[in-house]
Amino acid sequence: MTQQPPGSETPDDALASKLKRTELQRQESSVPGREIVQVLTEIPAGVESGWHTHPGEEVGYILEGTVEMKIAGRASLTLHAGDPFLMPPGTPHNALDLGPGTGRMLSTYFVETGRPLASFVDIT
C-alpha cells in the first residue's frame, strides 16, 4: 500500500483538481481489503466538487462554512459548521460551498484498498 505522509496535499483522486484536499492519515483497516483515510477538504465560496462517488463510506463533519450537499435521488442537505454527514458507498453526491467564506470539512473514509478515493460520475 502506498502511503502519503501526514499533511500531504492532494490525495490521489479526481477531486484533487477542483478542491484543496490534505490527507491527514491513511491506515489499513482491521477489515481485510479496506483502509481508513482521513482528509481535510477546503472548498472556496461558490465552488462545487462535481458529482462523484467513493468506494466506501464517507463520514464527514463541517468545520467551517455552509455547504449544500446534493445527493442523487435524495433531497439536498444544507450543512453548517458543526453538522455531521454520512455518505453511503457508491452514492453520487456534489458539495457546493454557499459562502461567504471557504468551507472546510473533515472526512473519514472507510474504503476499498487500492481504489481511487473519489471518482467523478455523470448522473444526467
PDB file of N, CA and C in Angstrom:
ATOM      1  N   MET A   1       0.845  -1.173   0.000  1.00  0.00           N
ATOM      2  CA  MET A   1       0.000   0.000   0.000  1.00  0.00           C
ATOM      3  C   MET A   1       0.888   1.232   0.000  1.00  0.00           C
ATOM      4  N   THR A   2       0.589   2.199  -0.855  1.00  0.00           N
ATOM      5  CA  THR A   2       1.318   3.448  -0.889  1.00  0.00           C
ATOM      6  C   THR A   2       0.729   4.387   0.144  1.00  0.00           C
ATOM      7  N   GLN A   3       1.578   4.919   0.991  1.00  0.00           N
ATOM      8  CA  GLN A   3       1.105   5.854   1.996  1.00  0.00           C
ATOM      9  C   GLN A   3       1.711   7.211   1.732  1.00  0.00           C
ATOM     10  N   GLN A   4       0.874   8.242   1.832  1.00  0.00           N
ATOM     11  CA  GLN A   4       1.375   9.590   1.749  1.00  0.00           C
ATOM     12  C   GLN A   4       1.672  10.043   3.165  1.00  0.00           C
ATOM     13  N   PRO A   5       2.684  10.874   3.361  1.00  0.00           N
ATOM     14  CA  PRO A   5       2.956  11.348   4.706  1.00  0.00           C
ATOM     15  C   PRO A   5       1.811  12.209   5.211  1.00  0.00           C
ATOM     16  N   PRO A   6       1.583  12.197   6.539  1.00  0.00           N
ATOM     17  CA  PRO A   6       0.522  13.035   7.088  1.00  0.00           C
ATOM     18  C   PRO A   6       0.704  14.481   6.652  1.00  0.00           C
ATOM     19  N   GLY A   7      -0.421  15.131   6.323  1.00  0.00           N
ATOM     20  CA  GLY A   7      -0.387  16.522   5.911  1.00  0.00           C
ATOM     21  C   GLY A   7      -0.031  16.724   4.457  1.00  0.00           C
ATOM     22  N   SER A   8       0.108  15.645   3.678  1.00  0.00           N
ATOM     23  CA  SER A   8       0.456  15.801   2.273  1.00  0.00           C
ATOM     24  C   SER A   8      -0.741  16.352   1.509  1.00  0.00           C
ATOM     25  N   GLU A   9      -0.464  17.165   0.533  1.00  0.00           N
ATOM     26  CA  GLU A   9      -1.521  17.783  -0.253  1.00  0.00           C
ATOM     27  C   GLU A   9      -2.072  16.796  -1.277  1.00  0.00           C
ATOM     28  N   THR A  10      -3.241  17.103  -1.754  1.00  0.00           N
ATOM     29  CA  THR A  10      -3.894  16.448  -2.873  1.00  0.00           C
ATOM     30  C   THR A  10      -3.835  14.928  -2.863  1.00  0.00           C
ATOM     31  N   PRO A  11      -4.727  14.297  -2.127  1.00  0.00           N
ATOM     32  CA  PRO A  11      -4.843  12.843  -2.238  1.00  0.00           C
ATOM     33  C   PRO A  11      -5.036  12.460  -3.703  1.00  0.00           C
ATOM     34  N   ASP A  12      -4.642  11.259  -4.041  1.00  0.00           N
ATOM     35  CA  ASP A  12      -4.694  10.794  -5.422  1.00  0.00           C
ATOM     36  C   ASP A  12      -6.123  10.407  -5.795  1.00  0.00           C
ATOM     37  N   ASP A  13      -6.918  11.398  -6.180  1.00  0.00           N
ATOM     38  CA  ASP A  13      -8.277  11.131  -6.612  1.00  0.00           C
ATOM     39  C   ASP A  13      -8.763  12.260  -7.515  1.00  0.00           C
ATOM     40  N   ALA A  14      -9.944  12.089  -8.079  1.00  0.00           N
ATOM     41  CA  ALA A  14     -10.475  13.027  -9.055  1.00  0.00           C
ATOM     42  C   ALA A  14     -10.713  14.420  -8.474  1.00  0.00           C
ATOM     43  N   LEU A  15     -11.040  14.526  -7.206  1.00  0.00           N
ATOM     44  CA  LEU A  15     -11.378  15.828  -6.630  1.00  0.00           C
ATOM     45  C   LEU A  15     -10.173  16.730  -6.427  1.00  0.00           C
ATOM     46  N   ALA A  16      -8.995  16.163  -6.426  1.00  0.00           N
ATOM     47  CA  ALA A  16      -7.794  16.939  -6.166  1.00  0.00           C
ATOM     48  C   ALA A  16      -7.611  18.080  -7.160  1.00  0.00           C
ATOM     49  N   SER A  17      -8.173  17.975  -8.348  1.00  0.00           N
ATOM     50  CA  SER A  17      -8.030  19.029  -9.349  1.00  0.00           C
ATOM     51  C   SER A  17      -8.996  20.190  -9.119  1.00  0.00           C
ATOM     52  N   LYS A  18      -9.998  20.015  -8.243  1.00  0.00           N
ATOM     53  CA  LYS A  18     -11.012  21.055  -8.035  1.00  0.00           C
ATOM     54  C   LYS A  18     -10.967  21.713  -6.666  1.00  0.00           C
ATOM     55  N   LEU A  19     -10.492  20.987  -5.666  1.00  0.00           N
ATOM     56  CA  LEU A  19     -10.551  21.448  -4.279  1.00  0.00           C
ATOM     57  C   LEU A  19      -9.195  21.279  -3.617  1.00  0.00           C
ATOM     58  N   LYS A  20      -8.966  22.022  -2.554  1.00  0.00           N
ATOM     59  CA  LYS A  20      -7.752  21.792  -1.771  1.00  0.00           C
ATOM     60  C   LYS A  20      -8.053  20.664  -0.795  1.00  0.00           C
ATOM     61  N   ARG A  21      -7.308  19.579  -0.927  1.00  0.00           N
ATOM     62  CA  ARG A  21      -7.521  18.408  -0.068  1.00  0.00           C
ATOM     63  C   ARG A  21      -6.189  18.012   0.549  1.00  0.00           C
ATOM     64  N   THR A  22      -6.193  17.859   1.855  1.00  0.00           N
ATOM     65  CA  THR A  22      -4.994  17.487   2.586  1.00  0.00           C
ATOM     66  C   THR A  22      -5.249  16.147   3.269  1.00  0.00           C
ATOM     67  N   GLU A  23      -4.500  15.145   2.876  1.00  0.00           N
ATOM     68  CA  GLU A  23      -4.641  13.838   3.511  1.00  0.00           C
ATOM     69  C   GLU A  23      -3.938  13.881   4.862  1.00  0.00           C
ATOM     70  N   LEU A  24      -4.684  13.598   5.913  1.00  0.00           N
ATOM     71  CA  LEU A  24      -4.150  13.655   7.261  1.00  0.00           C
ATOM     72  C   LEU A  24      -3.592  12.316   7.717  1.00  0.00           C
ATOM     73  N   GLN A  25      -4.251  11.240   7.317  1.00  0.00           N
ATOM     74  CA  GLN A  25      -3.753   9.911   7.659  1.00  0.00           C
ATOM     75  C   GLN A  25      -4.395   8.863   6.758  1.00  0.00           C
ATOM     76  N   ARG A  26      -3.661   7.744   6.630  1.00  0.00           N
ATOM     77  CA  ARG A  26      -4.131   6.598   5.839  1.00  0.00           C
ATOM     78  C   ARG A  26      -3.559   5.354   6.495  1.00  0.00           C
ATOM     79  N   GLN A  27      -4.454   4.450   6.890  1.00  0.00           N
ATOM     80  CA  GLN A  27      -4.019   3.242   7.562  1.00  0.00           C
ATOM     81  C   GLN A  27      -4.852   2.064   7.088  1.00  0.00           C
ATOM     82  N   GLU A  28      -4.248   0.882   7.122  1.00  0.00           N
ATOM     83  CA  GLU A  28      -5.001  -0.328   6.837  1.00  0.00           C
ATOM     84  C   GLU A  28      -6.041  -0.509   7.929  1.00  0.00           C
ATOM     85  N   SER A  29      -7.178  -1.046   7.547  1.00  0.00           N
ATOM     86  CA  SER A  29      -8.246  -1.331   8.499  1.00  0.00           C
ATOM     87  C   SER A  29      -8.075  -2.745   9.041  1.00  0.00           C
ATOM     88  N   SER A  30      -8.773  -3.040  10.117  1.00  0.00           N
ATOM     89  CA  SER A  30      -8.791  -4.415  10.629  1.00  0.00           C
ATOM     90  C   SER A  30      -9.654  -5.310   9.741  1.00  0.00           C
ATOM     91  N   VAL A  31     -10.420  -4.696   8.833  1.00  0.00           N
ATOM     92  CA  VAL A  31     -11.243  -5.435   7.877  1.00  0.00           C
ATOM     93  C   VAL A  31     -10.401  -5.656   6.616  1.00  0.00           C
ATOM     94  N   PRO A  32     -10.138  -6.900   6.239  1.00  0.00           N
ATOM     95  CA  PRO A  32      -9.310  -7.164   5.063  1.00  0.00           C
ATOM     96  C   PRO A  32      -9.858  -6.461   3.811  1.00  0.00           C
ATOM     97  N   GLY A  33      -8.942  -5.864   3.032  1.00  0.00           N
ATOM     98  CA  GLY A  33      -9.328  -5.209   1.786  1.00  0.00           C
ATOM     99  C   GLY A  33      -9.850  -3.800   1.960  1.00  0.00           C
ATOM    100  N   ARG A  34      -9.799  -3.271   3.177  1.00  0.00           N
ATOM    101  CA  ARG A  34     -10.285  -1.910   3.457  1.00  0.00           C
ATOM    102  C   ARG A  34      -9.191  -1.081   4.112  1.00  0.00           C
ATOM    103  N   GLU A  35      -9.247   0.225   3.855  1.00  0.00           N
ATOM    104  CA  GLU A  35      -8.359   1.153   4.530  1.00  0.00           C
ATOM    105  C   GLU A  35      -9.158   2.349   5.025  1.00  0.00           C
ATOM    106  N   ILE A  36      -8.596   3.048   5.986  1.00  0.00           N
ATOM    107  CA  ILE A  36      -9.228   4.226   6.560  1.00  0.00           C
ATOM    108  C   ILE A  36      -8.380   5.424   6.164  1.00  0.00           C
ATOM    109  N   VAL A  37      -9.031   6.418   5.558  1.00  0.00           N
ATOM    110  CA  VAL A  37      -8.331   7.611   5.073  1.00  0.00           C
ATOM    111  C   VAL A  37      -9.049   8.831   5.639  1.00  0.00           C
ATOM    112  N   GLN A  38      -8.274   9.751   6.205  1.00  0.00           N
ATOM    113  CA  GLN A  38      -8.860  10.969   6.747  1.00  0.00           C
ATOM    114  C   GLN A  38      -8.319  12.153   5.954  1.00  0.00           C
ATOM    115  N   VAL A  39      -9.248  13.045   5.526  1.00  0.00           N
ATOM    116  CA  VAL A  39      -8.906  14.147   4.632  1.00  0.00           C
ATOM    117  C   VAL A  39      -9.566  15.431   5.109  1.00  0.00           C
ATOM    118  N   LEU A  40      -8.803  16.519   5.074  1.00  0.00           N
ATOM    119  CA  LEU A  40      -9.340  17.857   5.286  1.00  0.00           C
ATOM    120  C   LEU A  40      -9.574  18.460   3.905  1.00  0.00           C
ATOM    121  N   THR A  41     -10.811  18.855   3.620  1.00  0.00           N
ATOM    122  CA  THR A  41     -11.150  19.432   2.322  1.00  0.00           C
ATOM    123  C   THR A  41     -11.552  20.886   2.508  1.00  0.00           C
ATOM    124  N   GLU A  42     -11.017  21.754   1.656  1.00  0.00           N
ATOM    125  CA  GLU A  42     -11.361  23.171   1.678  1.00  0.00           C
ATOM    126  C   GLU A  42     -11.989  23.531   0.336  1.00  0.00           C
ATOM    127  N   ILE A  43     -13.206  24.096   0.405  1.00  0.00           N
ATOM    128  CA  ILE A  43     -13.963  24.439  -0.803  1.00  0.00           C
ATOM    129  C   ILE A  43     -14.164  25.945  -0.822  1.00  0.00           C
ATOM    130  N   PRO A  44     -13.594  26.657  -1.790  1.00  0.00           N
ATOM    131  CA  PRO A  44     -13.799  28.100  -1.863  1.00  0.00           C
ATOM    132  C   PRO A  44     -15.278  28.442  -2.108  1.00  0.00           C
ATOM    133  N   ALA A  45     -15.690  29.603  -1.655  1.00  0.00           N
ATOM    134  CA  ALA A  45     -17.074  30.056  -1.833  1.00  0.00           C
ATOM    135  C   ALA A  45     -17.467  29.985  -3.303  1.00  0.00           C
ATOM    136  N   GLY A  46     -18.640  29.405  -3.573  1.00  0.00           N
ATOM    137  CA  GLY A  46     -19.180  29.313  -4.921  1.00  0.00           C
ATOM    138  C   GLY A  46     -18.652  28.151  -5.740  1.00  0.00           C
ATOM    139  N   VAL A  47     -17.728  27.378  -5.199  1.00  0.00           N
ATOM    140  CA  VAL A  47     -17.142  26.245  -5.925  1.00  0.00           C
ATOM    141  C   VAL A  47     -17.867  24.964  -5.517  1.00  0.00           C
ATOM    142  N   GLU A  48     -18.066  24.082  -6.480  1.00  0.00           N
ATOM    143  CA  GLU A  48     -18.652  22.779  -6.178  1.00  0.00           C
ATOM    144  C   GLU A  48     -17.653  21.687  -6.508  1.00  0.00           C
ATOM    145  N   SER A  49     -17.803  20.563  -5.833  1.00  0.00           N
ATOM    146  CA  SER A  49     -16.880  19.449  -6.037  1.00  0.00           C
ATOM    147  C   SER A  49     -17.072  18.780  -7.387  1.00  0.00           C
ATOM    148  N   GLY A  50     -18.302  18.778  -7.879  1.00  0.00           N
ATOM    149  CA  GLY A  50     -18.662  17.975  -9.043  1.00  0.00           C
ATOM    150  C   GLY A  50     -19.204  16.648  -8.545  1.00  0.00           C
ATOM    151  N   TRP A  51     -20.074  16.035  -9.327  1.00  0.00           N
ATOM    152  CA  TRP A  51     -20.689  14.769  -8.922  1.00  0.00           C
ATOM    153  C   TRP A  51     -19.626  13.692  -8.870  1.00  0.00           C
ATOM    154  N   HIS A  52     -19.566  12.984  -7.743  1.00  0.00           N
ATOM    155  CA  HIS A  52     -18.551  11.963  -7.557  1.00  0.00           C
ATOM    156  C   HIS A  52     -19.055  10.892  -6.592  1.00  0.00           C
ATOM    157  N   THR A  53     -18.301   9.800  -6.526  1.00  0.00           N
ATOM    158  CA  THR A  53     -18.592   8.706  -5.596  1.00  0.00           C
ATOM    159  C   THR A  53     -17.301   8.313  -4.889  1.00  0.00           C
ATOM    160  N   HIS A  54     -17.466   7.505  -3.830  1.00  0.00           N
ATOM    161  CA  HIS A  54     -16.341   6.939  -3.101  1.00  0.00           C
ATOM    162  C   HIS A  54     -16.533   5.423  -3.020  1.00  0.00           C
ATOM    163  N   PRO A  55     -15.444   4.658  -3.033  1.00  0.00           N
ATOM    164  CA  PRO A  55     -15.551   3.191  -2.966  1.00  0.00           C
ATOM    165  C   PRO A  55     -15.704   2.688  -1.522  1.00  0.00           C
ATOM    166  N   GLY A  56     -16.554   3.356  -0.784  1.00  0.00           N
ATOM    167  CA  GLY A  56     -16.809   3.014   0.610  1.00  0.00           C
ATOM    168  C   GLY A  56     -17.504   4.178   1.297  1.00  0.00           C
ATOM    169  N   GLU A  57     -17.689   4.060   2.596  1.00  0.00           N
ATOM    170  CA  GLU A  57     -18.390   5.078   3.359  1.00  0.00           C
ATOM    171  C   GLU A  57     -17.544   6.332   3.544  1.00  0.00           C
ATOM    172  N   GLU A  58     -18.227   7.488   3.586  1.00  0.00           N
ATOM    173  CA  GLU A  58     -17.614   8.761   3.971  1.00  0.00           C
ATOM    174  C   GLU A  58     -18.366   9.263   5.198  1.00  0.00           C
ATOM    175  N   VAL A  59     -17.642   9.480   6.281  1.00  0.00           N
ATOM    176  CA  VAL A  59     -18.207  10.057   7.490  1.00  0.00           C
ATOM    177  C   VAL A  59     -17.596  11.441   7.604  1.00  0.00           C
ATOM    178  N   GLY A  60     -18.440  12.476   7.540  1.00  0.00           N
ATOM    179  CA  GLY A  60     -17.913  13.829   7.488  1.00  0.00           C
ATOM    180  C   GLY A  60     -18.472  14.748   8.554  1.00  0.00           C
ATOM    181  N   TYR A  61     -17.766  15.881   8.706  1.00  0.00           N
ATOM    182  CA  TYR A  61     -18.113  16.892   9.694  1.00  0.00           C
ATOM    183  C   TYR A  61     -17.728  18.250   9.120  1.00  0.00           C
ATOM    184  N   ILE A  62     -18.656  19.196   9.130  1.00  0.00           N
ATOM    185  CA  ILE A  62     -18.380  20.534   8.619  1.00  0.00           C
ATOM    186  C   ILE A  62     -17.678  21.334   9.713  1.00  0.00           C
ATOM    187  N   LEU A  63     -16.456  21.759   9.435  1.00  0.00           N
ATOM    188  CA  LEU A  63     -15.676  22.534  10.397  1.00  0.00           C
ATOM    189  C   LEU A  63     -15.989  24.025  10.303  1.00  0.00           C
ATOM    190  N   GLU A  64     -16.119  24.525   9.077  1.00  0.00           N
ATOM    191  CA  GLU A  64     -16.383  25.950   8.844  1.00  0.00           C
ATOM    192  C   GLU A  64     -17.240  26.098   7.598  1.00  0.00           C
ATOM    193  N   GLY A  65     -18.090  27.126   7.593  1.00  0.00           N
ATOM    194  CA  GLY A  65     -18.848  27.477   6.403  1.00  0.00           C
ATOM    195  C   GLY A  65     -20.186  26.780   6.310  1.00  0.00           C
ATOM    196  N   THR A  66     -20.792  26.961   5.132  1.00  0.00           N
ATOM    197  CA  THR A  66     -22.089  26.367   4.815  1.00  0.00           C
ATOM    198  C   THR A  66     -21.957  25.650   3.486  1.00  0.00           C
ATOM    199  N   VAL A  67     -22.310  24.379   3.483  1.00  0.00           N
ATOM    200  CA  VAL A  67     -22.142  23.538   2.296  1.00  0.00           C
ATOM    201  C   VAL A  67     -23.482  22.918   1.930  1.00  0.00           C
ATOM    202  N   GLU A  68     -23.871  23.051   0.657  1.00  0.00           N
ATOM    203  CA  GLU A  68     -25.052  22.350   0.155  1.00  0.00           C
ATOM    204  C   GLU A  68     -24.569  21.003  -0.382  1.00  0.00           C
ATOM    205  N   MET A  69     -25.085  19.926   0.198  1.00  0.00           N
ATOM    206  CA  MET A  69     -24.718  18.582  -0.225  1.00  0.00           C
ATOM    207  C   MET A  69     -25.856  18.025  -1.076  1.00  0.00           C
ATOM    208  N   LYS A  70     -25.610  17.953  -2.375  1.00  0.00           N
ATOM    209  CA  LYS A  70     -26.594  17.383  -3.291  1.00  0.00           C
ATOM    210  C   LYS A  70     -26.316  15.883  -3.366  1.00  0.00           C
ATOM    211  N   ILE A  71     -27.374  15.082  -3.224  1.00  0.00           N
ATOM    212  CA  ILE A  71     -27.225  13.629  -3.196  1.00  0.00           C
ATOM    213  C   ILE A  71     -28.191  13.038  -4.210  1.00  0.00           C
ATOM    214  N   ALA A  72     -27.692  12.230  -5.122  1.00  0.00           N
ATOM    215  CA  ALA A  72     -28.535  11.632  -6.163  1.00  0.00           C
ATOM    216  C   ALA A  72     -29.702  10.882  -5.529  1.00  0.00           C
ATOM    217  N   GLY A  73     -30.920  11.198  -5.996  1.00  0.00           N
ATOM    218  CA  GLY A  73     -32.116  10.501  -5.544  1.00  0.00           C
ATOM    219  C   GLY A  73     -32.632  10.939  -4.189  1.00  0.00           C
ATOM    220  N   ARG A  74     -32.038  11.970  -3.605  1.00  0.00           N
ATOM    221  CA  ARG A  74     -32.471  12.458  -2.292  1.00  0.00           C
ATOM    222  C   ARG A  74     -32.567  13.978  -2.308  1.00  0.00           C
ATOM    223  N   ALA A  75     -33.192  14.508  -1.288  1.00  0.00           N
ATOM    224  CA  ALA A  75     -33.238  15.957  -1.118  1.00  0.00           C
ATOM    225  C   ALA A  75     -31.843  16.459  -0.736  1.00  0.00           C
ATOM    226  N   SER A  76     -31.497  17.650  -1.197  1.00  0.00           N
ATOM    227  CA  SER A  76     -30.224  18.261  -0.826  1.00  0.00           C
ATOM    228  C   SER A  76     -30.213  18.588   0.660  1.00  0.00           C
ATOM    229  N   LEU A  77     -29.027  18.584   1.235  1.00  0.00           N
ATOM    230  CA  LEU A  77     -28.844  18.964   2.631  1.00  0.00           C
ATOM    231  C   LEU A  77     -28.076  20.276   2.687  1.00  0.00           C
ATOM    232  N   THR A  78     -28.463  21.175   3.562  1.00  0.00           N
ATOM    233  CA  THR A  78     -27.673  22.370   3.821  1.00  0.00           C
ATOM    234  C   THR A  78     -26.990  22.154   5.153  1.00  0.00           C
ATOM    235  N   LEU A  79     -25.667  22.054   5.101  1.00  0.00           N
ATOM    236  CA  LEU A  79     -24.866  21.735   6.277  1.00  0.00           C
ATOM    237  C   LEU A  79     -24.083  22.959   6.727  1.00  0.00           C
ATOM    238  N   HIS A  80     -24.088  23.189   8.027  1.00  0.00           N
ATOM    239  CA  HIS A  80     -23.391  24.330   8.624  1.00  0.00           C
ATOM    240  C   HIS A  80     -22.276  23.814   9.528  1.00  0.00           C
ATOM    241  N   ALA A  81     -21.377  24.711   9.933  1.00  0.00           N
ATOM    242  CA  ALA A  81     -20.313  24.332  10.856  1.00  0.00           C
ATOM    243  C   ALA A  81     -20.918  23.597  12.046  1.00  0.00           C
ATOM    244  N   GLY A  82     -20.353  22.445  12.353  1.00  0.00           N
ATOM    245  CA  GLY A  82     -20.844  21.628  13.458  1.00  0.00           C
ATOM    246  C   GLY A  82     -21.756  20.501  13.030  1.00  0.00           C
ATOM    247  N   ASP A  83     -22.157  20.479  11.757  1.00  0.00           N
ATOM    248  CA  ASP A  83     -23.060  19.428  11.267  1.00  0.00           C
ATOM    249  C   ASP A  83     -22.271  18.220  10.747  1.00  0.00           C
ATOM    250  N   PRO A  84     -22.725  17.008  11.097  1.00  0.00           N
ATOM    251  CA  PRO A  84     -22.122  15.796  10.556  1.00  0.00           C
ATOM    252  C   PRO A  84     -22.890  15.326   9.320  1.00  0.00           C
ATOM    253  N   PHE A  85     -22.276  14.430   8.551  1.00  0.00           N
ATOM    254  CA  PHE A  85     -22.981  13.773   7.452  1.00  0.00           C
ATOM    255  C   PHE A  85     -22.372  12.400   7.221  1.00  0.00           C
ATOM    256  N   LEU A  86     -23.147  11.530   6.599  1.00  0.00           N
ATOM    257  CA  LEU A  86     -22.703  10.180   6.261  1.00  0.00           C
ATOM    258  C   LEU A  86     -23.118   9.895   4.830  1.00  0.00           C
ATOM    259  N   MET A  87     -22.157   9.501   4.007  1.00  0.00           N
ATOM    260  CA  MET A  87     -22.430   9.182   2.614  1.00  0.00           C
ATOM    261  C   MET A  87     -22.206   7.685   2.410  1.00  0.00           C
ATOM    262  N   PRO A  88     -23.252   6.949   1.990  1.00  0.00           N
ATOM    263  CA  PRO A  88     -23.093   5.511   1.741  1.00  0.00           C
ATOM    264  C   PRO A  88     -22.155   5.248   0.556  1.00  0.00           C
ATOM    265  N   PRO A  89     -21.579   4.065   0.479  1.00  0.00           N
ATOM    266  CA  PRO A  89     -20.664   3.726  -0.619  1.00  0.00           C
ATOM    267  C   PRO A  89     -21.335   3.874  -1.983  1.00  0.00           C
ATOM    268  N   GLY A  90     -20.571   4.413  -2.938  1.00  0.00           N
ATOM    269  CA  GLY A  90     -21.040   4.491  -4.316  1.00  0.00           C
ATOM    270  C   GLY A  90     -22.183   5.455  -4.562  1.00  0.00           C
ATOM    271  N   THR A  91     -22.531   6.292  -3.596  1.00  0.00           N
ATOM    272  CA  THR A  91     -23.644   7.237  -3.743  1.00  0.00           C
ATOM    273  C   THR A  91     -23.152   8.523  -4.401  1.00  0.00           C
ATOM    274  N   PRO A  92     -23.656   8.866  -5.596  1.00  0.00           N
ATOM    275  CA  PRO A  92     -23.242  10.110  -6.239  1.00  0.00           C
ATOM    276  C   PRO A  92     -23.679  11.316  -5.406  1.00  0.00           C
ATOM    277  N   HIS A  93     -22.743  12.240  -5.218  1.00  0.00           N
ATOM    278  CA  HIS A  93     -23.037  13.462  -4.480  1.00  0.00           C
ATOM    279  C   HIS A  93     -22.144  14.598  -4.980  1.00  0.00           C
ATOM    280  N   ASN A  94     -22.538  15.821  -4.634  1.00  0.00           N
ATOM    281  CA  ASN A  94     -21.879  17.026  -5.128  1.00  0.00           C
ATOM    282  C   ASN A  94     -21.966  18.069  -4.026  1.00  0.00           C
ATOM    283  N   ALA A  95     -20.824  18.547  -3.539  1.00  0.00           N
ATOM    284  CA  ALA A  95     -20.787  19.545  -2.467  1.00  0.00           C
ATOM    285  C   ALA A  95     -20.545  20.930  -3.061  1.00  0.00           C
ATOM    286  N   LEU A  96     -21.382  21.890  -2.682  1.00  0.00           N
ATOM    287  CA  LEU A  96     -21.268  23.279  -3.131  1.00  0.00           C
ATOM    288  C   LEU A  96     -21.096  24.166  -1.914  1.00  0.00           C
ATOM    289  N   ASP A  97     -20.016  24.958  -1.890  1.00  0.00           N
ATOM    290  CA  ASP A  97     -19.829  25.897  -0.789  1.00  0.00           C
ATOM    291  C   ASP A  97     -20.689  27.130  -1.049  1.00  0.00           C
ATOM    292  N   LEU A  98     -21.603  27.411  -0.116  1.00  0.00           N
ATOM    293  CA  LEU A  98     -22.534  28.529  -0.272  1.00  0.00           C
ATOM    294  C   LEU A  98     -21.951  29.858   0.192  1.00  0.00           C
ATOM    295  N   GLY A  99     -20.754  29.847   0.763  1.00  0.00           N
ATOM    296  CA  GLY A  99     -20.106  31.075   1.192  1.00  0.00           C
ATOM    297  C   GLY A  99     -20.643  31.571   2.524  1.00  0.00           C
ATOM    298  N   PRO A 100     -20.246  32.723   2.954  1.00  0.00           N
ATOM    299  CA  PRO A 100     -19.440  33.672   2.178  1.00  0.00           C
ATOM    300  C   PRO A 100     -17.960  33.307   2.116  1.00  0.00           C
ATOM    301  N   GLY A 101     -17.462  32.507   3.038  1.00  0.00           N
ATOM    302  CA  GLY A 101     -16.036  32.165   3.039  1.00  0.00           C
ATOM    303  C   GLY A 101     -15.806  30.743   2.590  1.00  0.00           C
ATOM    304  N   THR A 102     -14.582  30.305   2.738  1.00  0.00           N
ATOM    305  CA  THR A 102     -14.182  28.951   2.373  1.00  0.00           C
ATOM    306  C   THR A 102     -14.790  27.943   3.344  1.00  0.00           C
ATOM    307  N   GLY A 103     -15.406  26.915   2.801  1.00  0.00           N
ATOM    308  CA  GLY A 103     -15.932  25.827   3.622  1.00  0.00           C
ATOM    309  C   GLY A 103     -14.830  24.826   3.900  1.00  0.00           C
ATOM    310  N   ARG A 104     -14.821  24.298   5.117  1.00  0.00           N
ATOM    311  CA  ARG A 104     -13.827  23.292   5.486  1.00  0.00           C
ATOM    312  C   ARG A 104     -14.557  22.103   6.082  1.00  0.00           C
ATOM    313  N   MET A 105     -14.220  20.911   5.606  1.00  0.00           N
ATOM    314  CA  MET A 105     -14.830  19.699   6.140  1.00  0.00           C
ATOM    315  C   MET A 105     -13.768  18.646   6.392  1.00  0.00           C
ATOM    316  N   LEU A 106     -14.015  17.873   7.430  1.00  0.00           N
ATOM    317  CA  LEU A 106     -13.150  16.755   7.777  1.00  0.00           C
ATOM    318  C   LEU A 106     -13.911  15.486   7.418  1.00  0.00           C
ATOM    319  N   SER A 107     -13.315  14.667   6.558  1.00  0.00           N
ATOM    320  CA  SER A 107     -13.959  13.427   6.138  1.00  0.00           C
ATOM    321  C   SER A 107     -13.064  12.243   6.454  1.00  0.00           C
ATOM    322  N   THR A 108     -13.690  11.192   6.966  1.00  0.00           N
ATOM    323  CA  THR A 108     -13.010   9.929   7.199  1.00  0.00           C
ATOM    324  C   THR A 108     -13.674   8.898   6.299  1.00  0.00           C
ATOM    325  N   TYR A 109     -12.863   8.247   5.483  1.00  0.00           N
ATOM    326  CA  TYR A 109     -13.357   7.283   4.510  1.00  0.00           C
ATOM    327  C   TYR A 109     -12.969   5.872   4.946  1.00  0.00           C
ATOM    328  N   PHE A 110     -13.903   4.952   4.820  1.00  0.00           N
ATOM    329  CA  PHE A 110     -13.659   3.528   5.054  1.00  0.00           C
ATOM    330  C   PHE A 110     -13.859   2.876   3.695  1.00  0.00           C
ATOM    331  N   VAL A 111     -12.777   2.692   2.956  1.00  0.00           N
ATOM    332  CA  VAL A 111     -12.865   2.379   1.529  1.00  0.00           C
ATOM    333  C   VAL A 111     -12.066   1.141   1.136  1.00  0.00           C
ATOM    334  N   GLU A 112     -12.355   0.659  -0.076  1.00  0.00           N
ATOM    335  CA  GLU A 112     -11.629  -0.474  -0.638  1.00  0.00           C
ATOM    336  C   GLU A 112     -10.182  -0.070  -0.894  1.00  0.00           C
ATOM    337  N   THR A 113      -9.264  -0.888  -0.450  1.00  0.00           N
ATOM    338  CA  THR A 113      -7.842  -0.648  -0.652  1.00  0.00           C
ATOM    339  C   THR A 113      -7.507  -0.694  -2.138  1.00  0.00           C
ATOM    340  N   GLY A 114      -6.653   0.254  -2.568  1.00  0.00           N
ATOM    341  CA  GLY A 114      -6.166   0.239  -3.940  1.00  0.00           C
ATOM    342  C   GLY A 114      -7.058   0.930  -4.949  1.00  0.00           C
ATOM    343  N   ARG A 115      -8.203   1.434  -4.538  1.00  0.00           N
ATOM    344  CA  ARG A 115      -9.099   2.161  -5.447  1.00  0.00           C
ATOM    345  C   ARG A 115      -8.926   3.656  -5.224  1.00  0.00           C
ATOM    346  N   PRO A 116      -9.167   4.486  -6.253  1.00  0.00           N
ATOM    347  CA  PRO A 116      -9.121   5.933  -6.035  1.00  0.00           C
ATOM    348  C   PRO A 116     -10.133   6.329  -4.965  1.00  0.00           C
ATOM    349  N   LEU A 117      -9.770   7.287  -4.155  1.00  0.00           N
ATOM    350  CA  LEU A 117     -10.641   7.728  -3.068  1.00  0.00           C
ATOM    351  C   LEU A 117     -11.935   8.337  -3.587  1.00  0.00           C
ATOM    352  N   ALA A 118     -11.865   9.006  -4.743  1.00  0.00           N
ATOM    353  CA  ALA A 118     -13.060   9.604  -5.345  1.00  0.00           C
ATOM    354  C   ALA A 118     -12.969   9.503  -6.859  1.00  0.00           C
ATOM    355  N   SER A 119     -14.127   9.333  -7.490  1.00  0.00           N
ATOM    356  CA  SER A 119     -14.207   9.273  -8.946  1.00  0.00           C
ATOM    357  C   SER A 119     -15.399  10.082  -9.412  1.00  0.00           C
ATOM    358  N   PHE A 120     -15.184  10.924 -10.434  1.00  0.00           N
ATOM    359  CA  PHE A 120     -16.289  11.696 -10.992  1.00  0.00           C
ATOM    360  C   PHE A 120     -17.271  10.774 -11.692  1.00  0.00           C
ATOM    361  N   VAL A 121     -18.561  11.134 -11.629  1.00  0.00           N
ATOM    362  CA  VAL A 121     -19.608  10.377 -12.305  1.00  0.00           C
ATOM    363  C   VAL A 121     -20.536  11.344 -13.030  1.00  0.00           C
ATOM    364  N   ASP A 122     -21.168  10.858 -14.082  1.00  0.00           N
ATOM    365  CA  ASP A 122     -22.164  11.629 -14.818  1.00  0.00           C
ATOM    366  C   ASP A 122     -23.540  11.110 -14.413  1.00  0.00           C
ATOM    367  N   ILE A 123     -24.348  11.948 -13.807  1.00  0.00           N
ATOM    368  CA  ILE A 123     -25.660  11.477 -13.359  1.00  0.00           C
ATOM    369  C   ILE A 123     -26.787  11.952 -14.273  1.00  0.00           C
ATOM    370  N   THR A 124     -26.452  12.540 -15.409  1.00  0.00           N
ATOM    371  CA  THR A 124     -27.508  13.018 -16.311  1.00  0.00           C
ATOM    372  C   THR A 124     -28.075  11.895 -17.145  1.00  0.00           C
TER     373      THR A 124
END
